[in-house]
Every structure is written in structure tokens, then in C-alpha cells.
């Protein structure tokens, strides 16, 4: 899934983020519509939240997760 998200993010154009996204929310129990760009921002923000959780759990288990700050982390290369 990460590869698919990365591929999409590398190829999306600004006009591809225009317009609304509508979905049924099980939490809100109703249909919601939000700007597509806002939903994409939430996707990446939510991933950050979970990476923080995993890092905390690893550290609590005595495992050093290594560098997690993006400017210093090893990045995927083409």
C-alpha cells in the first residue's frame, strides 16, 4: 500500500486535488463531504500519528527504532 500511495503522490497534479470527496462515515453515521485536498492532508497526518505510536512502543520494548526525523532518515531511492 505504501508503494501505491507513493506512486500516486509522485504523480498527482494540483488539479487532481480539486473538488470534493464524499463518503459514508461509520463513526458519524452519515454521508460526509470534504475538500479532497483536506482528506489527503489527513491521510498523511494520520500516518504520522501511527508512526509515533509505533516508535513509542518500540522504545518501551527496549528497541531503538533509529532515526525518525525526515531530514536525517534514510529515504527510498529510485
C-alpha atoms as a PDB file:
ATOM      1  CA  UNK A   1       0.000   0.000   0.000  1.00  0.00           C
ATOM      2  CA  UNK A   2       2.876   2.371   0.774  1.00  0.00           C
ATOM      3  CA  UNK A   3       4.215   1.887  -2.751  1.00  0.00           C
ATOM      4  CA  UNK A   4       0.807   2.698  -4.223  1.00  0.00           C
ATOM      5  CA  UNK A   5       0.470   5.839  -2.087  1.00  0.00           C
ATOM      6  CA  UNK A   6       3.997   6.921  -3.003  1.00  0.00           C
ATOM      7  CA  UNK A   7       3.338   6.368  -6.694  1.00  0.00           C
ATOM      8  CA  UNK A   8       0.099   8.340  -6.510  1.00  0.00           C
ATOM      9  CA  UNK A   9       1.702  11.191  -4.539  1.00  0.00           C
ATOM     10  CA  UNK A  10       4.570  11.470  -7.025  1.00  0.00           C
ATOM     11  CA  UNK A  11       2.179  11.773  -9.948  1.00  0.00           C
ATOM     12  CA  UNK A  12      -0.800  13.714  -8.611  1.00  0.00           C
ATOM     13  CA  UNK A  13      -1.275  17.168 -10.098  1.00  0.00           C
ATOM     14  CA  UNK A  14      -2.750  20.136  -8.240  1.00  0.00           C
ATOM     15  CA  UNK A  15      -5.955  19.898 -10.280  1.00  0.00           C
ATOM     16  CA  UNK A  16      -6.179  16.261  -9.141  1.00  0.00           C
ATOM     17  CA  UNK A  17      -6.775  17.518  -5.601  1.00  0.00           C
ATOM     18  CA  UNK A  18      -9.554  19.897  -6.548  1.00  0.00           C
ATOM     19  CA  UNK A  19     -13.145  19.149  -5.820  1.00  0.00           C
ATOM     20  CA  UNK A  20     -14.956  17.300  -3.076  1.00  0.00           C
ATOM     21  CA  UNK A  21     -14.711  13.775  -1.729  1.00  0.00           C
ATOM     22  CA  UNK A  22     -17.908  12.195  -0.418  1.00  0.00           C
ATOM     23  CA  UNK A  23     -18.054   9.029   1.698  1.00  0.00           C
ATOM     24  CA  UNK A  24     -20.204   7.357   4.297  1.00  0.00           C
ATOM     25  CA  UNK A  25     -18.732   7.674   7.787  1.00  0.00           C
ATOM     26  CA  UNK A  26     -19.434   4.788  10.105  1.00  0.00           C
ATOM     27  CA  UNK A  27     -18.335   6.949  13.034  1.00  0.00           C
ATOM     28  CA  UNK A  28     -20.641   9.865  12.206  1.00  0.00           C
ATOM     29  CA  UNK A  29     -23.329   7.516  10.813  1.00  0.00           C
ATOM     30  CA  UNK A  30     -23.914   9.788   7.832  1.00  0.00           C
ATOM     31  CA  UNK A  31     -22.534  10.812   4.471  1.00  0.00           C
ATOM     32  CA  UNK A  32     -19.783  13.424   4.656  1.00  0.00           C
ATOM     33  CA  UNK A  33     -18.277  15.658   2.005  1.00  0.00           C
ATOM     34  CA  UNK A  34     -14.970  17.456   2.424  1.00  0.00           C
ATOM     35  CA  UNK A  35     -12.429  19.009   0.050  1.00  0.00           C
ATOM     36  CA  UNK A  36     -10.293  16.247  -1.460  1.00  0.00           C
ATOM     37  CA  UNK A  37      -7.062  18.100  -0.652  1.00  0.00           C
ATOM     38  CA  UNK A  38      -8.065  18.162   3.043  1.00  0.00           C
ATOM     39  CA  UNK A  39      -8.647  14.392   3.038  1.00  0.00           C
ATOM     40  CA  UNK A  40      -5.191  13.832   1.525  1.00  0.00           C
ATOM     41  CA  UNK A  41      -3.599  16.022   4.208  1.00  0.00           C
ATOM     42  CA  UNK A  42      -5.449  13.949   6.833  1.00  0.00           C
ATOM     43  CA  UNK A  43      -4.158  10.711   5.308  1.00  0.00           C
ATOM     44  CA  UNK A  44      -0.533  11.774   5.750  1.00  0.00           C
ATOM     45  CA  UNK A  45      -1.177  13.368   9.143  1.00  0.00           C
ATOM     46  CA  UNK A  46      -2.784  10.138  10.369  1.00  0.00           C
ATOM     47  CA  UNK A  47       0.212   8.097   9.188  1.00  0.00           C
ATOM     48  CA  UNK A  48       2.435  10.396  11.265  1.00  0.00           C
ATOM     49  CA  UNK A  49       0.264   9.719  14.304  1.00  0.00           C
ATOM     50  CA  UNK A  50       0.683   5.947  13.918  1.00  0.00           C
ATOM     51  CA  UNK A  51       4.432   6.181  13.266  1.00  0.00           C
ATOM     52  CA  UNK A  52       4.706   7.993  16.600  1.00  0.00           C
ATOM     53  CA  UNK A  53       2.765   5.227  18.314  1.00  0.00           C
ATOM     54  CA  UNK A  54       4.983   2.514  16.834  1.00  0.00           C
ATOM     55  CA  UNK A  55       8.144   4.418  17.778  1.00  0.00           C
ATOM     56  CA  UNK A  56       6.930   4.737  21.372  1.00  0.00           C
ATOM     57  CA  UNK A  57       6.092   1.028  21.609  1.00  0.00           C
ATOM     58  CA  UNK A  58       9.476   0.030  20.200  1.00  0.00           C
ATOM     59  CA  UNK A  59      11.296   2.285  22.661  1.00  0.00           C
ATOM     60  CA  UNK A  60       9.222   0.887  25.550  1.00  0.00           C
ATOM     61  CA  UNK A  61      10.266  -2.604  24.438  1.00  0.00           C
ATOM     62  CA  UNK A  62      13.922  -1.562  24.545  1.00  0.00           C
ATOM     63  CA  UNK A  63      14.317  -1.397  20.763  1.00  0.00           C
ATOM     64  CA  UNK A  64      15.993   1.611  19.159  1.00  0.00           C
ATOM     65  CA  UNK A  65      13.887   2.478  16.087  1.00  0.00           C
ATOM     66  CA  UNK A  66      16.711   4.549  14.663  1.00  0.00           C
ATOM     67  CA  UNK A  67      16.408   7.974  13.132  1.00  0.00           C
ATOM     68  CA  UNK A  68      12.813   9.037  12.539  1.00  0.00           C
ATOM     69  CA  UNK A  69      13.241  12.738  11.724  1.00  0.00           C
ATOM     70  CA  UNK A  70      12.664  13.083   7.996  1.00  0.00           C
ATOM     71  CA  UNK A  71      15.639  15.339   7.176  1.00  0.00           C
ATOM     72  CA  UNK A  72      18.034  12.673   8.539  1.00  0.00           C
ATOM     73  CA  UNK A  73      16.138   9.435   7.881  1.00  0.00           C
ATOM     74  CA  UNK A  74      17.220   7.161   5.052  1.00  0.00           C
ATOM     75  CA  UNK A  75      14.769   7.791   2.216  1.00  0.00           C
ATOM     76  CA  UNK A  76      13.662   5.459  -0.545  1.00  0.00           C
ATOM     77  CA  UNK A  77      15.677   5.975  -3.699  1.00  0.00           C
ATOM     78  CA  UNK A  78      14.502   5.488  -7.263  1.00  0.00           C
END
